[in-house]
Amino acid sequence: MEETPKKQIFQVVCVVSNLDETLGNWRRLVDFNETSIKMVGDREQVRCLYHGQQIHCPIRAVRFDLGGIDMKLVEPLNKAGGDPYSDSLLAHGQGFHHLGICVENQPALLEQYQQAGRTPVYEEFSQDGHYQMFDFTEELGFCMTPWDHMIGPCAPRDPLGATI
């Protein structure tokens, strides 16, 4: 499989059991820009596929700037399993879930994955777009979501510093 150059890791996603408690711990234990904290929007309009099956994936989440990286904390509201976040929490407890990586040529990379027989374990479709998460835990030690653009602190900015 020909290697598609990766541009940059721009997002780190962690799954947590209690968002309020964990965010409180971040505020107490980690030096970061607290004014950058943003609640993730309404997910009622998000369509989710997990292992090819349509699911409901209710979460509470925040994003914030951690040294130029978009840090995202996700609390699955379905504690019984059946979605990527609650399954991860049940299997491994709190911690790292996946990386968001901006790639040079997302369509080419997705084509390479398809030719290699790799399918996304999770997909989201919303008004903000479509993203796919791939599980490379056995090969690379993590799951990743290849994006064609960056969001959060790494996203392009206008002359006033606002995210474009």
N, C-alpha and C. Protein backbone atom coordinates (compact mmCIF):
# COMPACT_ATOMS: atom_id res chain seq x y z
N MET A 1 0.86 -1.17 0.00
CA MET A 1 0.00 0.00 0.00
C MET A 1 0.90 1.23 0.00
N GLU A 2 0.72 2.10 -0.98
CA GLU A 2 1.50 3.33 -1.07
C GLU A 2 1.14 4.26 0.07
N GLU A 3 2.15 4.87 0.66
CA GLU A 3 1.94 5.74 1.82
C GLU A 3 1.45 7.12 1.39
N THR A 4 0.34 7.55 1.96
CA THR A 4 -0.15 8.91 1.76
C THR A 4 0.42 9.76 2.89
N PRO A 5 1.08 10.87 2.58
CA PRO A 5 1.66 11.69 3.65
C PRO A 5 0.60 12.19 4.61
N LYS A 6 0.91 12.13 5.88
CA LYS A 6 0.03 12.68 6.90
C LYS A 6 0.45 14.13 7.11
N LYS A 7 -0.50 15.02 7.27
CA LYS A 7 -0.18 16.42 7.52
C LYS A 7 0.11 16.64 8.99
N GLN A 8 -0.88 16.34 9.82
CA GLN A 8 -0.73 16.76 11.21
C GLN A 8 -1.79 16.11 12.10
N ILE A 9 -1.38 15.73 13.31
CA ILE A 9 -2.34 15.37 14.35
C ILE A 9 -2.89 16.68 14.87
N PHE A 10 -4.21 16.83 14.85
CA PHE A 10 -4.80 18.07 15.33
C PHE A 10 -5.80 17.85 16.45
N GLN A 11 -6.18 16.58 16.67
CA GLN A 11 -7.20 16.31 17.68
C GLN A 11 -6.87 15.03 18.45
N VAL A 12 -7.04 15.10 19.77
CA VAL A 12 -6.92 13.94 20.65
C VAL A 12 -8.26 13.79 21.35
N VAL A 13 -8.85 12.60 21.27
CA VAL A 13 -10.16 12.35 21.86
C VAL A 13 -10.00 11.32 22.98
N CYS A 14 -10.54 11.67 24.16
CA CYS A 14 -10.53 10.75 25.30
C CYS A 14 -11.97 10.46 25.70
N VAL A 15 -12.22 9.23 26.14
CA VAL A 15 -13.53 8.85 26.65
C VAL A 15 -13.46 8.93 28.17
N VAL A 16 -14.51 9.47 28.78
CA VAL A 16 -14.53 9.66 30.24
C VAL A 16 -15.86 9.14 30.79
N SER A 17 -15.85 8.77 32.06
CA SER A 17 -17.08 8.25 32.66
C SER A 17 -17.98 9.36 33.19
N ASN A 18 -17.38 10.50 33.57
CA ASN A 18 -18.16 11.61 34.09
C ASN A 18 -17.52 12.90 33.59
N LEU A 19 -18.15 13.55 32.63
CA LEU A 19 -17.58 14.73 31.99
C LEU A 19 -17.33 15.85 32.97
N ASP A 20 -18.30 16.16 33.82
CA ASP A 20 -18.15 17.27 34.77
C ASP A 20 -16.98 17.04 35.72
N GLU A 21 -16.90 15.84 36.26
CA GLU A 21 -15.81 15.51 37.19
C GLU A 21 -14.45 15.56 36.49
N THR A 22 -14.38 14.97 35.30
CA THR A 22 -13.11 14.94 34.56
C THR A 22 -12.68 16.34 34.15
N LEU A 23 -13.62 17.16 33.66
CA LEU A 23 -13.27 18.53 33.29
C LEU A 23 -12.81 19.31 34.51
N GLY A 24 -13.43 19.08 35.66
CA GLY A 24 -12.97 19.69 36.90
C GLY A 24 -11.54 19.29 37.24
N ASN A 25 -11.23 18.03 37.02
CA ASN A 25 -9.85 17.56 37.25
C ASN A 25 -8.88 18.23 36.29
N TRP A 26 -9.27 18.38 35.02
CA TRP A 26 -8.41 19.07 34.05
C TRP A 26 -8.15 20.50 34.52
N ARG A 27 -9.19 21.18 34.96
CA ARG A 27 -9.04 22.56 35.42
C ARG A 27 -8.10 22.65 36.63
N ARG A 28 -8.15 21.65 37.47
CA ARG A 28 -7.36 21.66 38.70
C ARG A 28 -5.92 21.20 38.47
N LEU A 29 -5.71 20.26 37.53
CA LEU A 29 -4.42 19.60 37.40
C LEU A 29 -3.60 19.98 36.17
N VAL A 30 -4.23 20.58 35.16
CA VAL A 30 -3.53 20.84 33.90
C VAL A 30 -3.61 22.32 33.56
N ASP A 31 -2.50 22.89 33.13
CA ASP A 31 -2.46 24.28 32.72
C ASP A 31 -2.88 24.37 31.25
N PHE A 32 -4.07 24.89 31.00
CA PHE A 32 -4.55 25.07 29.63
C PHE A 32 -5.47 26.28 29.60
N ASN A 33 -5.80 26.74 28.42
CA ASN A 33 -6.63 27.92 28.24
C ASN A 33 -8.10 27.56 28.49
N GLU A 34 -8.57 27.82 29.71
CA GLU A 34 -9.94 27.45 30.06
C GLU A 34 -10.99 28.24 29.30
N THR A 35 -10.64 29.41 28.78
CA THR A 35 -11.61 30.18 28.00
C THR A 35 -11.89 29.52 26.65
N SER A 36 -11.08 28.53 26.28
CA SER A 36 -11.28 27.85 25.00
C SER A 36 -12.28 26.69 25.11
N ILE A 37 -12.77 26.38 26.30
CA ILE A 37 -13.69 25.25 26.48
C ILE A 37 -15.00 25.52 25.74
N LYS A 38 -15.42 24.55 24.92
CA LYS A 38 -16.68 24.65 24.18
C LYS A 38 -17.44 23.34 24.32
N MET A 39 -18.71 23.45 24.65
CA MET A 39 -19.57 22.26 24.65
C MET A 39 -19.80 21.84 23.20
N VAL A 40 -19.78 20.54 22.95
CA VAL A 40 -20.07 20.03 21.62
C VAL A 40 -21.56 20.17 21.38
N GLY A 41 -21.93 20.54 20.15
CA GLY A 41 -23.31 20.85 19.82
C GLY A 41 -24.28 19.68 19.90
N ASP A 42 -25.52 19.97 19.60
CA ASP A 42 -26.62 19.02 19.62
C ASP A 42 -26.34 17.87 18.64
N ARG A 43 -26.42 16.65 19.14
CA ARG A 43 -26.13 15.48 18.31
C ARG A 43 -27.39 14.79 17.81
N GLU A 44 -28.55 15.38 18.04
CA GLU A 44 -29.79 14.75 17.58
C GLU A 44 -29.84 14.64 16.06
N GLN A 45 -29.13 15.52 15.37
CA GLN A 45 -29.14 15.50 13.91
C GLN A 45 -27.99 14.69 13.33
N VAL A 46 -27.28 13.94 14.16
CA VAL A 46 -26.14 13.14 13.71
C VAL A 46 -26.60 11.71 13.45
N ARG A 47 -26.26 11.20 12.27
CA ARG A 47 -26.54 9.79 11.96
C ARG A 47 -25.24 9.03 12.15
N CYS A 48 -25.29 7.92 12.89
CA CYS A 48 -24.09 7.16 13.24
C CYS A 48 -24.19 5.72 12.76
N LEU A 49 -23.07 5.21 12.26
CA LEU A 49 -22.94 3.80 11.91
C LEU A 49 -21.80 3.23 12.74
N TYR A 50 -22.02 2.07 13.32
CA TYR A 50 -21.00 1.39 14.12
C TYR A 50 -20.95 -0.05 13.63
N HIS A 51 -19.79 -0.45 13.11
CA HIS A 51 -19.63 -1.76 12.47
C HIS A 51 -20.71 -1.96 11.40
N GLY A 52 -21.01 -0.89 10.68
CA GLY A 52 -21.95 -0.95 9.57
C GLY A 52 -23.42 -0.88 9.94
N GLN A 53 -23.74 -0.83 11.22
CA GLN A 53 -25.13 -0.78 11.67
C GLN A 53 -25.48 0.62 12.17
N GLN A 54 -26.66 1.11 11.80
CA GLN A 54 -27.08 2.42 12.29
C GLN A 54 -27.37 2.33 13.78
N ILE A 55 -26.85 3.29 14.54
CA ILE A 55 -27.03 3.31 15.99
C ILE A 55 -27.37 4.71 16.45
N HIS A 56 -27.80 4.82 17.68
CA HIS A 56 -27.94 6.10 18.35
C HIS A 56 -26.74 6.20 19.28
N CYS A 57 -26.01 7.29 19.23
CA CYS A 57 -24.76 7.43 19.99
C CYS A 57 -24.82 8.71 20.83
N PRO A 58 -25.62 8.70 21.89
CA PRO A 58 -25.73 9.92 22.71
C PRO A 58 -24.47 10.15 23.54
N ILE A 59 -23.98 11.38 23.51
CA ILE A 59 -22.79 11.75 24.27
C ILE A 59 -22.96 13.14 24.86
N ARG A 60 -22.14 13.45 25.84
CA ARG A 60 -21.87 14.82 26.27
C ARG A 60 -20.38 15.01 26.01
N ALA A 61 -20.01 16.16 25.51
CA ALA A 61 -18.60 16.35 25.18
C ALA A 61 -18.20 17.81 25.24
N VAL A 62 -16.92 18.03 25.49
CA VAL A 62 -16.32 19.36 25.41
C VAL A 62 -15.07 19.26 24.57
N ARG A 63 -14.71 20.41 23.98
CA ARG A 63 -13.45 20.55 23.25
C ARG A 63 -12.74 21.76 23.84
N PHE A 64 -11.41 21.70 23.84
CA PHE A 64 -10.63 22.85 24.28
C PHE A 64 -9.23 22.78 23.69
N ASP A 65 -8.56 23.93 23.75
CA ASP A 65 -7.21 24.08 23.22
C ASP A 65 -6.22 23.59 24.27
N LEU A 66 -5.47 22.56 23.91
CA LEU A 66 -4.40 22.06 24.77
C LEU A 66 -3.09 22.19 24.00
N GLY A 67 -2.45 23.34 24.15
CA GLY A 67 -1.18 23.56 23.47
C GLY A 67 -1.26 23.52 21.97
N GLY A 68 -2.38 23.98 21.41
CA GLY A 68 -2.54 24.00 19.96
C GLY A 68 -3.21 22.76 19.40
N ILE A 69 -3.56 21.81 20.24
CA ILE A 69 -4.26 20.59 19.83
C ILE A 69 -5.71 20.71 20.29
N ASP A 70 -6.63 20.22 19.47
CA ASP A 70 -8.04 20.18 19.84
C ASP A 70 -8.26 18.97 20.75
N MET A 71 -8.38 19.21 22.04
CA MET A 71 -8.60 18.14 23.02
C MET A 71 -10.10 17.96 23.17
N LYS A 72 -10.59 16.73 23.06
CA LYS A 72 -12.01 16.47 23.17
C LYS A 72 -12.24 15.39 24.23
N LEU A 73 -13.09 15.69 25.19
CA LEU A 73 -13.48 14.74 26.22
C LEU A 73 -14.91 14.31 25.93
N VAL A 74 -15.15 13.01 25.86
CA VAL A 74 -16.45 12.47 25.49
C VAL A 74 -16.96 11.56 26.60
N GLU A 75 -18.15 11.88 27.10
CA GLU A 75 -18.83 10.99 28.04
C GLU A 75 -19.99 10.32 27.31
N PRO A 76 -19.92 8.99 27.13
CA PRO A 76 -21.05 8.31 26.51
C PRO A 76 -22.22 8.27 27.49
N LEU A 77 -23.40 8.60 27.02
CA LEU A 77 -24.58 8.59 27.88
C LEU A 77 -25.23 7.21 27.95
N ASN A 78 -24.94 6.38 26.96
CA ASN A 78 -25.40 5.00 26.96
C ASN A 78 -24.32 4.17 27.67
N LYS A 79 -24.49 3.90 28.93
CA LYS A 79 -23.46 3.20 29.72
C LYS A 79 -23.46 1.70 29.49
N ALA A 80 -24.44 1.17 28.73
CA ALA A 80 -24.56 -0.28 28.55
C ALA A 80 -23.75 -0.81 27.37
N GLY A 81 -23.18 0.06 26.55
CA GLY A 81 -22.43 -0.39 25.38
C GLY A 81 -23.25 -0.29 24.12
N GLY A 82 -22.62 -0.62 23.00
CA GLY A 82 -23.30 -0.57 21.72
C GLY A 82 -22.90 0.59 20.84
N ASP A 83 -21.95 1.39 21.29
CA ASP A 83 -21.39 2.47 20.47
C ASP A 83 -19.89 2.53 20.78
N PRO A 84 -19.10 3.21 19.96
CA PRO A 84 -17.65 3.15 20.15
C PRO A 84 -17.17 3.75 21.47
N TYR A 85 -17.85 4.76 21.96
CA TYR A 85 -17.40 5.40 23.19
C TYR A 85 -17.76 4.57 24.42
N SER A 86 -19.00 4.11 24.51
CA SER A 86 -19.38 3.31 25.68
C SER A 86 -18.68 1.96 25.66
N ASP A 87 -18.49 1.36 24.49
CA ASP A 87 -17.76 0.08 24.42
C ASP A 87 -16.32 0.25 24.89
N SER A 88 -15.69 1.35 24.51
CA SER A 88 -14.32 1.61 24.94
C SER A 88 -14.26 1.83 26.45
N LEU A 89 -15.21 2.59 26.97
CA LEU A 89 -15.25 2.85 28.41
C LEU A 89 -15.45 1.55 29.19
N LEU A 90 -16.34 0.69 28.73
CA LEU A 90 -16.58 -0.59 29.39
C LEU A 90 -15.35 -1.50 29.32
N ALA A 91 -14.68 -1.52 28.18
CA ALA A 91 -13.54 -2.43 27.98
C ALA A 91 -12.25 -1.95 28.63
N HIS A 92 -12.02 -0.63 28.62
CA HIS A 92 -10.71 -0.11 29.04
C HIS A 92 -10.76 0.94 30.13
N GLY A 93 -11.94 1.42 30.48
CA GLY A 93 -12.05 2.52 31.42
C GLY A 93 -11.73 3.83 30.72
N GLN A 94 -11.61 4.89 31.51
CA GLN A 94 -11.33 6.22 30.95
C GLN A 94 -9.98 6.23 30.25
N GLY A 95 -9.89 7.09 29.24
CA GLY A 95 -8.59 7.28 28.61
C GLY A 95 -8.68 7.62 27.14
N PHE A 96 -7.53 7.52 26.51
CA PHE A 96 -7.37 7.84 25.10
C PHE A 96 -8.33 7.00 24.26
N HIS A 97 -8.98 7.65 23.28
CA HIS A 97 -9.89 6.94 22.39
C HIS A 97 -9.40 6.93 20.94
N HIS A 98 -9.16 8.13 20.37
CA HIS A 98 -8.65 8.16 18.99
C HIS A 98 -8.00 9.50 18.67
N LEU A 99 -7.27 9.51 17.57
CA LEU A 99 -6.62 10.73 17.05
C LEU A 99 -7.37 11.23 15.83
N GLY A 100 -7.48 12.53 15.69
CA GLY A 100 -7.92 13.16 14.45
C GLY A 100 -6.67 13.60 13.71
N ILE A 101 -6.51 13.12 12.48
CA ILE A 101 -5.31 13.41 11.70
C ILE A 101 -5.73 14.05 10.38
N CYS A 102 -5.20 15.23 10.10
CA CYS A 102 -5.45 15.88 8.82
C CYS A 102 -4.46 15.31 7.81
N VAL A 103 -4.99 14.80 6.69
CA VAL A 103 -4.14 14.17 5.68
C VAL A 103 -4.13 14.99 4.40
N GLU A 104 -3.07 14.81 3.63
CA GLU A 104 -2.90 15.55 2.38
C GLU A 104 -4.02 15.25 1.38
N ASN A 105 -4.36 13.95 1.25
CA ASN A 105 -5.32 13.54 0.24
C ASN A 105 -6.25 12.49 0.85
N GLN A 106 -7.29 12.96 1.53
CA GLN A 106 -8.20 12.05 2.22
C GLN A 106 -8.84 11.03 1.27
N PRO A 107 -9.36 11.43 0.10
CA PRO A 107 -9.96 10.42 -0.78
C PRO A 107 -8.97 9.32 -1.17
N ALA A 108 -7.72 9.68 -1.44
CA ALA A 108 -6.72 8.67 -1.80
C ALA A 108 -6.44 7.73 -0.62
N LEU A 109 -6.36 8.29 0.58
CA LEU A 109 -6.10 7.46 1.75
C LEU A 109 -7.27 6.51 2.00
N LEU A 110 -8.50 7.01 1.90
CA LEU A 110 -9.67 6.15 2.09
C LEU A 110 -9.73 5.06 1.03
N GLU A 111 -9.33 5.38 -0.19
CA GLU A 111 -9.25 4.38 -1.27
C GLU A 111 -8.21 3.31 -0.93
N GLN A 112 -7.07 3.73 -0.40
CA GLN A 112 -6.04 2.77 0.01
C GLN A 112 -6.57 1.84 1.09
N TYR A 113 -7.27 2.40 2.05
CA TYR A 113 -7.85 1.57 3.11
C TYR A 113 -8.83 0.57 2.52
N GLN A 114 -9.68 1.03 1.60
CA GLN A 114 -10.67 0.14 0.99
C GLN A 114 -9.99 -0.98 0.22
N GLN A 115 -8.96 -0.65 -0.56
CA GLN A 115 -8.23 -1.66 -1.32
C GLN A 115 -7.55 -2.68 -0.41
N ALA A 116 -7.18 -2.24 0.79
CA ALA A 116 -6.54 -3.14 1.75
C ALA A 116 -7.58 -3.90 2.59
N GLY A 117 -8.87 -3.68 2.28
CA GLY A 117 -9.92 -4.38 3.01
C GLY A 117 -10.26 -3.78 4.36
N ARG A 118 -9.83 -2.54 4.58
CA ARG A 118 -10.12 -1.86 5.86
C ARG A 118 -11.42 -1.09 5.73
N THR A 119 -12.30 -1.28 6.67
CA THR A 119 -13.55 -0.54 6.70
C THR A 119 -13.61 0.27 7.99
N PRO A 120 -14.32 1.37 7.98
CA PRO A 120 -14.42 2.15 9.22
C PRO A 120 -15.23 1.39 10.26
N VAL A 121 -14.79 1.51 11.51
CA VAL A 121 -15.56 0.89 12.60
C VAL A 121 -16.69 1.81 13.02
N TYR A 122 -16.55 3.10 12.72
CA TYR A 122 -17.54 4.08 13.13
C TYR A 122 -17.59 5.19 12.11
N GLU A 123 -18.80 5.68 11.82
CA GLU A 123 -18.98 6.80 10.91
C GLU A 123 -20.04 7.74 11.47
N GLU A 124 -19.84 9.03 11.25
CA GLU A 124 -20.82 10.05 11.61
C GLU A 124 -21.15 10.87 10.38
N PHE A 125 -22.44 11.14 10.22
CA PHE A 125 -22.94 11.98 9.14
C PHE A 125 -23.76 13.10 9.78
N SER A 126 -23.41 14.34 9.50
CA SER A 126 -24.15 15.46 10.06
C SER A 126 -24.07 16.64 9.10
N GLN A 127 -24.67 17.75 9.50
CA GLN A 127 -24.58 18.95 8.68
C GLN A 127 -23.15 19.45 8.57
N ASP A 128 -22.28 19.03 9.50
CA ASP A 128 -20.87 19.44 9.47
C ASP A 128 -20.03 18.55 8.58
N GLY A 129 -20.60 17.46 8.08
CA GLY A 129 -19.85 16.58 7.19
C GLY A 129 -19.93 15.12 7.60
N HIS A 130 -18.99 14.36 7.08
CA HIS A 130 -18.94 12.91 7.28
C HIS A 130 -17.53 12.56 7.71
N TYR A 131 -17.40 11.85 8.82
CA TYR A 131 -16.07 11.36 9.15
C TYR A 131 -16.13 9.89 9.51
N GLN A 132 -14.99 9.22 9.30
CA GLN A 132 -14.86 7.79 9.49
C GLN A 132 -13.70 7.50 10.44
N MET A 133 -13.94 6.60 11.39
CA MET A 133 -12.89 6.19 12.32
C MET A 133 -12.46 4.76 11.98
N PHE A 134 -11.15 4.58 11.93
CA PHE A 134 -10.57 3.27 11.61
C PHE A 134 -9.81 2.76 12.83
N ASP A 135 -9.96 1.47 13.09
CA ASP A 135 -9.29 0.84 14.23
C ASP A 135 -7.99 0.20 13.77
N PHE A 136 -6.88 0.83 14.11
CA PHE A 136 -5.55 0.31 13.82
C PHE A 136 -4.84 -0.08 15.11
N THR A 137 -5.63 -0.48 16.12
CA THR A 137 -5.05 -0.79 17.43
C THR A 137 -4.00 -1.89 17.32
N GLU A 138 -4.28 -2.95 16.58
CA GLU A 138 -3.32 -4.05 16.49
C GLU A 138 -2.06 -3.65 15.73
N GLU A 139 -2.19 -2.82 14.70
CA GLU A 139 -1.04 -2.45 13.89
C GLU A 139 -0.29 -1.24 14.43
N LEU A 140 -1.03 -0.24 14.93
CA LEU A 140 -0.42 1.03 15.31
C LEU A 140 -0.59 1.39 16.78
N GLY A 141 -1.53 0.73 17.45
CA GLY A 141 -1.77 1.02 18.85
C GLY A 141 -2.85 2.05 19.10
N PHE A 142 -3.59 2.44 18.06
CA PHE A 142 -4.64 3.45 18.25
C PHE A 142 -5.65 3.41 17.11
N CYS A 143 -6.79 4.09 17.34
CA CYS A 143 -7.78 4.35 16.29
C CYS A 143 -7.51 5.75 15.76
N MET A 144 -7.88 5.98 14.50
CA MET A 144 -7.69 7.31 13.93
C MET A 144 -8.83 7.67 13.01
N THR A 145 -9.04 8.97 12.91
CA THR A 145 -10.03 9.53 12.00
C THR A 145 -9.29 10.46 11.04
N PRO A 146 -9.17 10.06 9.77
CA PRO A 146 -8.52 10.96 8.80
C PRO A 146 -9.49 12.04 8.34
N TRP A 147 -9.05 13.28 8.42
CA TRP A 147 -9.85 14.44 8.02
C TRP A 147 -9.18 15.12 6.83
N ASP A 148 -9.99 15.84 6.06
CA ASP A 148 -9.44 16.64 4.96
C ASP A 148 -9.21 18.08 5.38
N HIS A 149 -9.54 18.40 6.65
CA HIS A 149 -9.33 19.75 7.18
C HIS A 149 -9.14 19.64 8.68
N MET A 150 -8.71 20.71 9.29
CA MET A 150 -8.52 20.73 10.73
C MET A 150 -9.58 21.59 11.38
N ILE A 151 -9.92 21.25 12.62
CA ILE A 151 -10.85 22.03 13.42
C ILE A 151 -10.14 22.44 14.70
N GLY A 152 -10.78 23.31 15.47
CA GLY A 152 -10.20 23.70 16.75
C GLY A 152 -9.00 24.62 16.59
N PRO A 153 -8.07 24.57 17.53
CA PRO A 153 -6.95 25.51 17.53
C PRO A 153 -6.03 25.40 16.31
N CYS A 154 -6.04 24.24 15.65
CA CYS A 154 -5.19 24.05 14.47
C CYS A 154 -5.85 24.53 13.18
N ALA A 155 -7.12 24.85 13.24
CA ALA A 155 -7.86 25.24 12.04
C ALA A 155 -7.34 26.56 11.48
N PRO A 156 -7.54 26.76 10.19
CA PRO A 156 -7.14 28.05 9.59
C PRO A 156 -7.85 29.21 10.28
N ARG A 157 -7.19 30.35 10.33
CA ARG A 157 -7.72 31.55 11.01
C ARG A 157 -7.83 32.71 10.03
N ASP A 158 -8.78 33.57 10.31
CA ASP A 158 -8.88 34.81 9.55
C ASP A 158 -7.91 35.84 10.16
N PRO A 159 -7.76 37.02 9.57
CA PRO A 159 -6.80 38.01 10.10
C PRO A 159 -7.06 38.43 11.54
N LEU A 160 -8.30 38.26 12.03
CA LEU A 160 -8.61 38.62 13.41
C LEU A 160 -8.41 37.45 14.38
N GLY A 161 -8.02 36.29 13.84
CA GLY A 161 -7.75 35.13 14.69
C GLY A 161 -8.90 34.20 14.87
N ALA A 162 -10.05 34.47 14.24
CA ALA A 162 -11.21 33.59 14.37
C ALA A 162 -11.05 32.38 13.44
N THR A 163 -11.54 31.22 13.88
CA THR A 163 -11.49 30.02 13.06
C THR A 163 -12.31 30.22 11.80
N ILE A 164 -11.73 29.84 10.66
CA ILE A 164 -12.42 29.96 9.37
C ILE A 164 -13.28 28.72 9.16
